[in-house]
Each structure stands twice: as structure tokens, then as C-alpha cells.
């Protein structure tokens, strides 16, 4: 399998890259910072330096051409402001979707966030930080675009609160869950399983649970 990961130096993305390369898949990792290339190479991932806030659809299509799937795991980061929530968490996800469709790459896996439905229809939850509201709105807008984009077979995974605890290999993966947490290891394992067993149009929330990852993915419609 040939997979392109956007935001490839992120914590979930690096875990996924190592899982893919470790079993012999070809992985291209899109990063903005050239200083991160050595880290990706150590993971067995081929780095591609490209700023998704500045690139064109054709620029990105040239990178993803020939891939079997693309994964969007990029984000503006916890220290970024409202503007970058829009340009990265929404804009870059949309750009990757349009590029994948242009290049004829159908499977698109978007790492979103639990809680996005709190801001549906312009809602602003009481007491929520304005930057986090902007983050959820950007993620929701990205979801809406990629799920409706003609030519794609899109999947959306909404992890709960992320931890660095060792993965358990057991999760709760459902269309609607409660609030909770999940190790990044287990998020990466779920993404890998979905790349192997795609579910066109999937939107699922992901928390720690009792079901083995493979069984949880197989049980999704």
C-alpha cells in the first residue's frame, strides 16, 4: 500500500507512519518544517516538504498521485490562534481532499475531534474558550467538505481526549459515544485498520474501550 499522510510529524501521524512502514508499506509524509525530515526518515517515512497553507491543489495532487489512500492528521497545534485553526484544520484538510479527488485517489481518512457537533449550526457552547470553538468549527467544516466531496471515499474518526498512555489495543468505536480519553497508540491502530478495511462515508467517535481494534472496525457498517 502507498499512503500519503498530511501533518506527518504529529504524534498520531508518526505512530501511524511507523506502523505502515514497519509492515512494508510505502509512506509519504507531508511536513512544513524541513528540520523534521530526519525524524520521518528514522520512522521509515519519505518526507515531502510542502506548506499546505500556501500550496495549490496541483502541488498537492502531484504528491498524492498514485497513492492508495491519503490521511489528514495535520493541525494548527495547541498554541495556534483562531486564524490557523481555519487555515490548517479546515483549509489544509479541504486542500488535501480536492487534491486527492483531482489525482483520482479515493480513500481519504480525516482525523477530526470528538465534540464537533457542539458547534453545529453556529452554536457557541457556554463557557467554551473561543480558540477551542474555532478549532471545533474548523474540524466540522473539514468533515462536511470531505464527506460531500465528489470522487472521494471519505472516513472521519473523532478521537476523544488524547493521552500518551501505552495503547491497549481495545477501543470503543461508535457513531456516538460519551466523552472520554484514548491513547494515541490506539488511535493510530484504528487508522491503520480503517486503511485496510475502508468504510466509505464513515463518521465514528473513538474512546478507550473493551473491544479489540480489528473487531471494532469490522463491526462498523
C-alpha atoms as a PDB file:
ATOM      1  CA  UNK A   1       0.000   0.000   0.000  1.00  0.00           C
ATOM      2  CA  UNK A   2       1.139   3.553  -0.751  1.00  0.00           C
ATOM      3  CA  UNK A   3      -0.182   6.095   1.769  1.00  0.00           C
ATOM      4  CA  UNK A   4       0.295   9.864   1.998  1.00  0.00           C
ATOM      5  CA  UNK A   5      -0.022  11.413   5.461  1.00  0.00           C
ATOM      6  CA  UNK A   6      -0.517  15.164   5.842  1.00  0.00           C
ATOM      7  CA  UNK A   7       0.827  16.539   9.093  1.00  0.00           C
ATOM      8  CA  UNK A   8       3.200  13.609   9.218  1.00  0.00           C
ATOM      9  CA  UNK A   9       5.290  14.842  12.143  1.00  0.00           C
ATOM     10  CA  UNK A  10       2.316  14.912  14.507  1.00  0.00           C
ATOM     11  CA  UNK A  11       2.157  12.448  17.356  1.00  0.00           C
ATOM     12  CA  UNK A  12      -0.603  10.280  15.898  1.00  0.00           C
ATOM     13  CA  UNK A  13       0.785  10.599  12.378  1.00  0.00           C
ATOM     14  CA  UNK A  14       4.254   9.393  13.376  1.00  0.00           C
ATOM     15  CA  UNK A  15       2.770   6.392  15.127  1.00  0.00           C
ATOM     16  CA  UNK A  16       0.749   5.560  12.010  1.00  0.00           C
ATOM     17  CA  UNK A  17       3.768   6.083   9.772  1.00  0.00           C
ATOM     18  CA  UNK A  18       5.805   3.635  11.807  1.00  0.00           C
ATOM     19  CA  UNK A  19       3.017   1.048  11.751  1.00  0.00           C
ATOM     20  CA  UNK A  20       2.709   1.305   7.974  1.00  0.00           C
ATOM     21  CA  UNK A  21       6.415   1.341   7.162  1.00  0.00           C
ATOM     22  CA  UNK A  22       7.081  -1.414   9.682  1.00  0.00           C
ATOM     23  CA  UNK A  23       4.968  -3.828   7.705  1.00  0.00           C
ATOM     24  CA  UNK A  24       6.449  -2.810   4.377  1.00  0.00           C
ATOM     25  CA  UNK A  25       4.046  -0.169   3.090  1.00  0.00           C
ATOM     26  CA  UNK A  26       5.314   2.936   1.310  1.00  0.00           C
ATOM     27  CA  UNK A  27       4.576   6.097   3.277  1.00  0.00           C
ATOM     28  CA  UNK A  28       5.000   9.707   2.154  1.00  0.00           C
ATOM     29  CA  UNK A  29       4.766  12.284   4.905  1.00  0.00           C
ATOM     30  CA  UNK A  30       3.863  15.885   4.134  1.00  0.00           C
ATOM     31  CA  UNK A  31       5.529  18.346   6.517  1.00  0.00           C
ATOM     32  CA  UNK A  32       6.030  22.108   6.537  1.00  0.00           C
ATOM     33  CA  UNK A  33       9.278  22.220   8.503  1.00  0.00           C
ATOM     34  CA  UNK A  34      12.319  20.779   6.690  1.00  0.00           C
ATOM     35  CA  UNK A  35      14.027  20.239  10.062  1.00  0.00           C
ATOM     36  CA  UNK A  36      11.598  17.357  10.669  1.00  0.00           C
ATOM     37  CA  UNK A  37      12.779  15.300   7.718  1.00  0.00           C
ATOM     38  CA  UNK A  38      15.288  13.225   9.690  1.00  0.00           C
ATOM     39  CA  UNK A  39      12.616  12.180  12.191  1.00  0.00           C
ATOM     40  CA  UNK A  40      10.383  10.880   9.427  1.00  0.00           C
ATOM     41  CA  UNK A  41      13.246   9.090   7.725  1.00  0.00           C
ATOM     42  CA  UNK A  42      14.024   7.337  11.013  1.00  0.00           C
ATOM     43  CA  UNK A  43      10.407   6.142  11.020  1.00  0.00           C
ATOM     44  CA  UNK A  44      10.760   4.718   7.519  1.00  0.00           C
ATOM     45  CA  UNK A  45       8.649   7.532   6.054  1.00  0.00           C
ATOM     46  CA  UNK A  46       9.645   9.514   2.964  1.00  0.00           C
ATOM     47  CA  UNK A  47       9.353  13.231   3.836  1.00  0.00           C
ATOM     48  CA  UNK A  48       7.781  15.717   1.442  1.00  0.00           C
ATOM     49  CA  UNK A  49       8.309  19.357   2.412  1.00  0.00           C
ATOM     50  CA  UNK A  50       5.204  21.274   1.390  1.00  0.00           C
ATOM     51  CA  UNK A  51       3.327  24.050   3.183  1.00  0.00           C
ATOM     52  CA  UNK A  52      -0.365  23.210   2.958  1.00  0.00           C
ATOM     53  CA  UNK A  53      -1.251  26.785   3.886  1.00  0.00           C
ATOM     54  CA  UNK A  54       0.476  28.015   0.724  1.00  0.00           C
ATOM     55  CA  UNK A  55       0.327  25.113  -1.748  1.00  0.00           C
ATOM     56  CA  UNK A  56      -2.056  24.804  -4.672  1.00  0.00           C
ATOM     57  CA  UNK A  57      -4.326  21.874  -5.462  1.00  0.00           C
ATOM     58  CA  UNK A  58      -1.974  20.907  -8.300  1.00  0.00           C
ATOM     59  CA  UNK A  59       1.029  20.998  -5.956  1.00  0.00           C
ATOM     60  CA  UNK A  60      -0.617  18.540  -3.580  1.00  0.00           C
ATOM     61  CA  UNK A  61      -2.126  16.416  -6.352  1.00  0.00           C
ATOM     62  CA  UNK A  62       1.385  15.813  -7.671  1.00  0.00           C
ATOM     63  CA  UNK A  63       2.379  14.413  -4.267  1.00  0.00           C
ATOM     64  CA  UNK A  64      -0.647  12.166  -3.761  1.00  0.00           C
ATOM     65  CA  UNK A  65      -0.822  10.886  -7.340  1.00  0.00           C
ATOM     66  CA  UNK A  66      -0.523   7.099  -7.364  1.00  0.00           C
ATOM     67  CA  UNK A  67      -1.347   6.723  -3.668  1.00  0.00           C
ATOM     68  CA  UNK A  68      -3.795   4.113  -2.418  1.00  0.00           C
ATOM     69  CA  UNK A  69      -5.057   6.422   0.336  1.00  0.00           C
ATOM     70  CA  UNK A  70      -4.468   9.778   1.989  1.00  0.00           C
ATOM     71  CA  UNK A  71      -4.662  10.611   5.682  1.00  0.00           C
ATOM     72  CA  UNK A  72      -5.166  14.089   7.108  1.00  0.00           C
ATOM     73  CA  UNK A  73      -3.613  14.270  10.564  1.00  0.00           C
ATOM     74  CA  UNK A  74      -2.414  17.873  10.489  1.00  0.00           C
ATOM     75  CA  UNK A  75      -3.387  20.608  12.902  1.00  0.00           C
ATOM     76  CA  UNK A  76      -2.514  24.149  13.793  1.00  0.00           C
ATOM     77  CA  UNK A  77      -1.292  22.970  17.189  1.00  0.00           C
ATOM     78  CA  UNK A  78      -2.341  23.903  20.730  1.00  0.00           C
ATOM     79  CA  UNK A  79      -0.510  27.233  20.661  1.00  0.00           C
ATOM     80  CA  UNK A  80      -2.013  28.442  17.380  1.00  0.00           C
ATOM     81  CA  UNK A  81      -4.717  31.083  17.274  1.00  0.00           C
ATOM     82  CA  UNK A  82      -8.103  31.282  15.634  1.00  0.00           C
ATOM     83  CA  UNK A  83      -6.731  32.142  12.182  1.00  0.00           C
ATOM     84  CA  UNK A  84      -4.598  28.982  11.911  1.00  0.00           C
ATOM     85  CA  UNK A  85      -7.432  26.785  13.124  1.00  0.00           C
ATOM     86  CA  UNK A  86      -9.142  27.818   9.907  1.00  0.00           C
ATOM     87  CA  UNK A  87      -6.149  27.718   7.555  1.00  0.00           C
ATOM     88  CA  UNK A  88      -4.828  24.363   8.805  1.00  0.00           C
ATOM     89  CA  UNK A  89      -7.572  22.346  10.479  1.00  0.00           C
ATOM     90  CA  UNK A  90     -10.101  23.318   7.815  1.00  0.00           C
ATOM     91  CA  UNK A  91      -8.245  24.801   4.858  1.00  0.00           C
ATOM     92  CA  UNK A  92      -5.469  22.238   4.583  1.00  0.00           C
ATOM     93  CA  UNK A  93      -7.932  19.365   5.004  1.00  0.00           C
ATOM     94  CA  UNK A  94     -10.056  20.777   2.198  1.00  0.00           C
ATOM     95  CA  UNK A  95      -6.977  21.264   0.020  1.00  0.00           C
ATOM     96  CA  UNK A  96      -5.931  17.643   0.519  1.00  0.00           C
ATOM     97  CA  UNK A  97      -9.433  16.461  -0.336  1.00  0.00           C
ATOM     98  CA  UNK A  98      -9.549  18.486  -3.538  1.00  0.00           C
ATOM     99  CA  UNK A  99      -6.056  17.307  -4.495  1.00  0.00           C
ATOM    100  CA  UNK A 100      -6.901  13.666  -3.830  1.00  0.00           C
ATOM    101  CA  UNK A 101     -10.026  13.932  -5.972  1.00  0.00           C
ATOM    102  CA  UNK A 102      -8.024  15.626  -8.726  1.00  0.00           C
ATOM    103  CA  UNK A 103      -5.422  12.838  -8.611  1.00  0.00           C
ATOM    104  CA  UNK A 104      -8.044  10.087  -8.552  1.00  0.00           C
ATOM    105  CA  UNK A 105      -7.204   8.890  -5.030  1.00  0.00           C
ATOM    106  CA  UNK A 106     -10.497   7.917  -3.429  1.00  0.00           C
ATOM    107  CA  UNK A 107      -9.828   6.743   0.159  1.00  0.00           C
ATOM    108  CA  UNK A 108      -9.491   9.783   2.433  1.00  0.00           C
ATOM    109  CA  UNK A 109      -9.142   9.361   6.194  1.00  0.00           C
ATOM    110  CA  UNK A 110      -9.669  12.502   8.300  1.00  0.00           C
ATOM    111  CA  UNK A 111      -8.614  12.714  11.938  1.00  0.00           C
ATOM    112  CA  UNK A 112     -11.168  15.063  13.477  1.00  0.00           C
ATOM    113  CA  UNK A 113     -12.227  15.581  17.099  1.00  0.00           C
ATOM    114  CA  UNK A 114     -14.937  14.427  19.409  1.00  0.00           C
ATOM    115  CA  UNK A 115     -17.275  17.287  20.298  1.00  0.00           C
ATOM    116  CA  UNK A 116     -17.571  18.945  16.891  1.00  0.00           C
ATOM    117  CA  UNK A 117     -21.339  18.620  16.955  1.00  0.00           C
ATOM    118  CA  UNK A 118     -21.414  21.092  19.843  1.00  0.00           C
ATOM    119  CA  UNK A 119     -20.786  23.879  17.329  1.00  0.00           C
ATOM    120  CA  UNK A 120     -23.160  22.663  14.621  1.00  0.00           C
ATOM    121  CA  UNK A 121     -25.418  25.315  13.090  1.00  0.00           C
ATOM    122  CA  UNK A 122     -23.243  28.082  14.506  1.00  0.00           C
ATOM    123  CA  UNK A 123     -23.760  27.159  18.149  1.00  0.00           C
ATOM    124  CA  UNK A 124     -21.336  28.502  20.755  1.00  0.00           C
ATOM    125  CA  UNK A 125     -21.254  26.370  23.914  1.00  0.00           C
ATOM    126  CA  UNK A 126     -21.435  28.353  27.130  1.00  0.00           C
ATOM    127  CA  UNK A 127     -18.061  28.954  28.734  1.00  0.00           C
ATOM    128  CA  UNK A 128     -16.014  27.351  25.970  1.00  0.00           C
ATOM    129  CA  UNK A 129     -12.752  29.072  25.046  1.00  0.00           C
ATOM    130  CA  UNK A 130     -13.081  30.966  21.768  1.00  0.00           C
ATOM    131  CA  UNK A 131     -10.000  29.319  20.259  1.00  0.00           C
ATOM    132  CA  UNK A 132     -11.374  25.876  21.016  1.00  0.00           C
ATOM    133  CA  UNK A 133     -14.698  26.894  19.494  1.00  0.00           C
ATOM    134  CA  UNK A 134     -12.800  27.934  16.356  1.00  0.00           C
ATOM    135  CA  UNK A 135     -10.960  24.587  16.372  1.00  0.00           C
ATOM    136  CA  UNK A 136     -14.206  22.595  16.560  1.00  0.00           C
ATOM    137  CA  UNK A 137     -15.794  24.735  13.839  1.00  0.00           C
ATOM    138  CA  UNK A 138     -12.782  24.189  11.591  1.00  0.00           C
ATOM    139  CA  UNK A 139     -12.889  20.429  12.145  1.00  0.00           C
ATOM    140  CA  UNK A 140     -16.625  20.284  11.496  1.00  0.00           C
ATOM    141  CA  UNK A 141     -16.283  22.300   8.292  1.00  0.00           C
ATOM    142  CA  UNK A 142     -13.496  19.977   7.143  1.00  0.00           C
ATOM    143  CA  UNK A 143     -15.683  16.960   7.840  1.00  0.00           C
ATOM    144  CA  UNK A 144     -18.566  18.414   5.860  1.00  0.00           C
ATOM    145  CA  UNK A 145     -16.344  19.139   2.883  1.00  0.00           C
ATOM    146  CA  UNK A 146     -14.555  15.820   2.663  1.00  0.00           C
ATOM    147  CA  UNK A 147     -17.724  13.782   3.222  1.00  0.00           C
ATOM    148  CA  UNK A 148     -19.528  15.633   0.446  1.00  0.00           C
ATOM    149  CA  UNK A 149     -16.587  15.869  -1.974  1.00  0.00           C
ATOM    150  CA  UNK A 150     -17.406  14.032  -5.170  1.00  0.00           C
ATOM    151  CA  UNK A 151     -14.817  11.435  -6.122  1.00  0.00           C
ATOM    152  CA  UNK A 152     -13.732  10.573  -2.586  1.00  0.00           C
ATOM    153  CA  UNK A 153     -14.464   7.630  -0.307  1.00  0.00           C
ATOM    154  CA  UNK A 154     -14.097   9.536   2.948  1.00  0.00           C
ATOM    155  CA  UNK A 155     -13.880   8.370   6.548  1.00  0.00           C
ATOM    156  CA  UNK A 156     -13.895  10.562   9.648  1.00  0.00           C
ATOM    157  CA  UNK A 157     -12.536   9.469  13.021  1.00  0.00           C
ATOM    158  CA  UNK A 158     -13.246  11.657  16.049  1.00  0.00           C
ATOM    159  CA  UNK A 159     -10.905  10.713  18.916  1.00  0.00           C
ATOM    160  CA  UNK A 160     -11.629  11.750  22.461  1.00  0.00           C
ATOM    161  CA  UNK A 161      -9.031  13.343  24.708  1.00  0.00           C
ATOM    162  CA  UNK A 162      -5.623  12.115  23.597  1.00  0.00           C
ATOM    163  CA  UNK A 163      -3.117  10.581  26.015  1.00  0.00           C
ATOM    164  CA  UNK A 164       0.399   9.190  25.765  1.00  0.00           C
ATOM    165  CA  UNK A 165      -0.506   6.114  27.794  1.00  0.00           C
ATOM    166  CA  UNK A 166       0.533   2.825  26.177  1.00  0.00           C
ATOM    167  CA  UNK A 167      -2.097   1.521  23.819  1.00  0.00           C
ATOM    168  CA  UNK A 168      -4.291  -1.334  24.979  1.00  0.00           C
ATOM    169  CA  UNK A 169      -5.481  -2.474  21.544  1.00  0.00           C
ATOM    170  CA  UNK A 170      -9.047  -2.202  22.833  1.00  0.00           C
ATOM    171  CA  UNK A 171     -11.373   0.662  21.971  1.00  0.00           C
ATOM    172  CA  UNK A 172     -14.895   1.950  21.771  1.00  0.00           C
ATOM    173  CA  UNK A 173     -15.626   2.960  18.178  1.00  0.00           C
ATOM    174  CA  UNK A 174     -19.179   4.076  17.571  1.00  0.00           C
ATOM    175  CA  UNK A 175     -21.155   6.709  15.718  1.00  0.00           C
ATOM    176  CA  UNK A 176     -21.923   8.440  19.013  1.00  0.00           C
ATOM    177  CA  UNK A 177     -20.112   7.941  22.311  1.00  0.00           C
ATOM    178  CA  UNK A 178     -19.709   9.682  25.639  1.00  0.00           C
ATOM    179  CA  UNK A 179     -16.786  11.919  26.496  1.00  0.00           C
ATOM    180  CA  UNK A 180     -13.544  10.253  27.453  1.00  0.00           C
ATOM    181  CA  UNK A 181      -9.941   9.621  26.508  1.00  0.00           C
ATOM    182  CA  UNK A 182      -7.942   7.355  24.227  1.00  0.00           C
ATOM    183  CA  UNK A 183      -4.191   6.698  23.871  1.00  0.00           C
ATOM    184  CA  UNK A 184      -2.592   7.960  20.685  1.00  0.00           C
ATOM    185  CA  UNK A 185      -1.265   4.426  20.128  1.00  0.00           C
ATOM    186  CA  UNK A 186      -4.816   3.133  19.841  1.00  0.00           C
ATOM    187  CA  UNK A 187      -5.876   5.961  17.532  1.00  0.00           C
ATOM    188  CA  UNK A 188      -3.055   5.035  15.151  1.00  0.00           C
ATOM    189  CA  UNK A 189      -4.056   1.374  15.330  1.00  0.00           C
ATOM    190  CA  UNK A 190      -7.634   2.241  14.392  1.00  0.00           C
ATOM    191  CA  UNK A 191      -6.468   4.388  11.468  1.00  0.00           C
ATOM    192  CA  UNK A 192      -4.352   1.500  10.209  1.00  0.00           C
ATOM    193  CA  UNK A 193      -7.285  -0.897  10.458  1.00  0.00           C
ATOM    194  CA  UNK A 194      -9.512   1.525   8.543  1.00  0.00           C
ATOM    195  CA  UNK A 195      -6.943   1.845   5.779  1.00  0.00           C
ATOM    196  CA  UNK A 196      -7.066  -1.939   5.480  1.00  0.00           C
ATOM    197  CA  UNK A 197     -10.869  -2.113   5.709  1.00  0.00           C
ATOM    198  CA  UNK A 198     -12.262   1.192   4.368  1.00  0.00           C
ATOM    199  CA  UNK A 199     -15.782   2.302   5.301  1.00  0.00           C
ATOM    200  CA  UNK A 200     -16.991   4.875   2.784  1.00  0.00           C
ATOM    201  CA  UNK A 201     -18.905   7.679   4.498  1.00  0.00           C
ATOM    202  CA  UNK A 202     -17.938   6.602   7.999  1.00  0.00           C
ATOM    203  CA  UNK A 203     -18.142   9.041  10.895  1.00  0.00           C
ATOM    204  CA  UNK A 204     -17.140   7.415  14.184  1.00  0.00           C
ATOM    205  CA  UNK A 205     -16.105   8.575  17.625  1.00  0.00           C
ATOM    206  CA  UNK A 206     -13.211   6.823  19.324  1.00  0.00           C
ATOM    207  CA  UNK A 207     -12.514   6.234  23.004  1.00  0.00           C
ATOM    208  CA  UNK A 208     -10.753   3.630  25.069  1.00  0.00           C
ATOM    209  CA  UNK A 209     -12.935   0.579  25.487  1.00  0.00           C
ATOM    210  CA  UNK A 210     -13.146  -3.191  25.678  1.00  0.00           C
ATOM    211  CA  UNK A 211     -13.345  -4.235  22.011  1.00  0.00           C
ATOM    212  CA  UNK A 212     -10.197  -5.275  20.114  1.00  0.00           C
ATOM    213  CA  UNK A 213      -9.405  -2.777  17.368  1.00  0.00           C
ATOM    214  CA  UNK A 214      -9.906  -5.221  14.486  1.00  0.00           C
ATOM    215  CA  UNK A 215     -13.295  -6.297  15.841  1.00  0.00           C
ATOM    216  CA  UNK A 216     -14.391  -2.712  16.463  1.00  0.00           C
ATOM    217  CA  UNK A 217     -13.565  -1.725  12.870  1.00  0.00           C
ATOM    218  CA  UNK A 218     -15.114  -4.848  11.389  1.00  0.00           C
ATOM    219  CA  UNK A 219     -18.350  -4.170  13.287  1.00  0.00           C
ATOM    220  CA  UNK A 220     -18.815  -0.761  11.662  1.00  0.00           C
ATOM    221  CA  UNK A 221     -21.314  -0.691   8.793  1.00  0.00           C
END
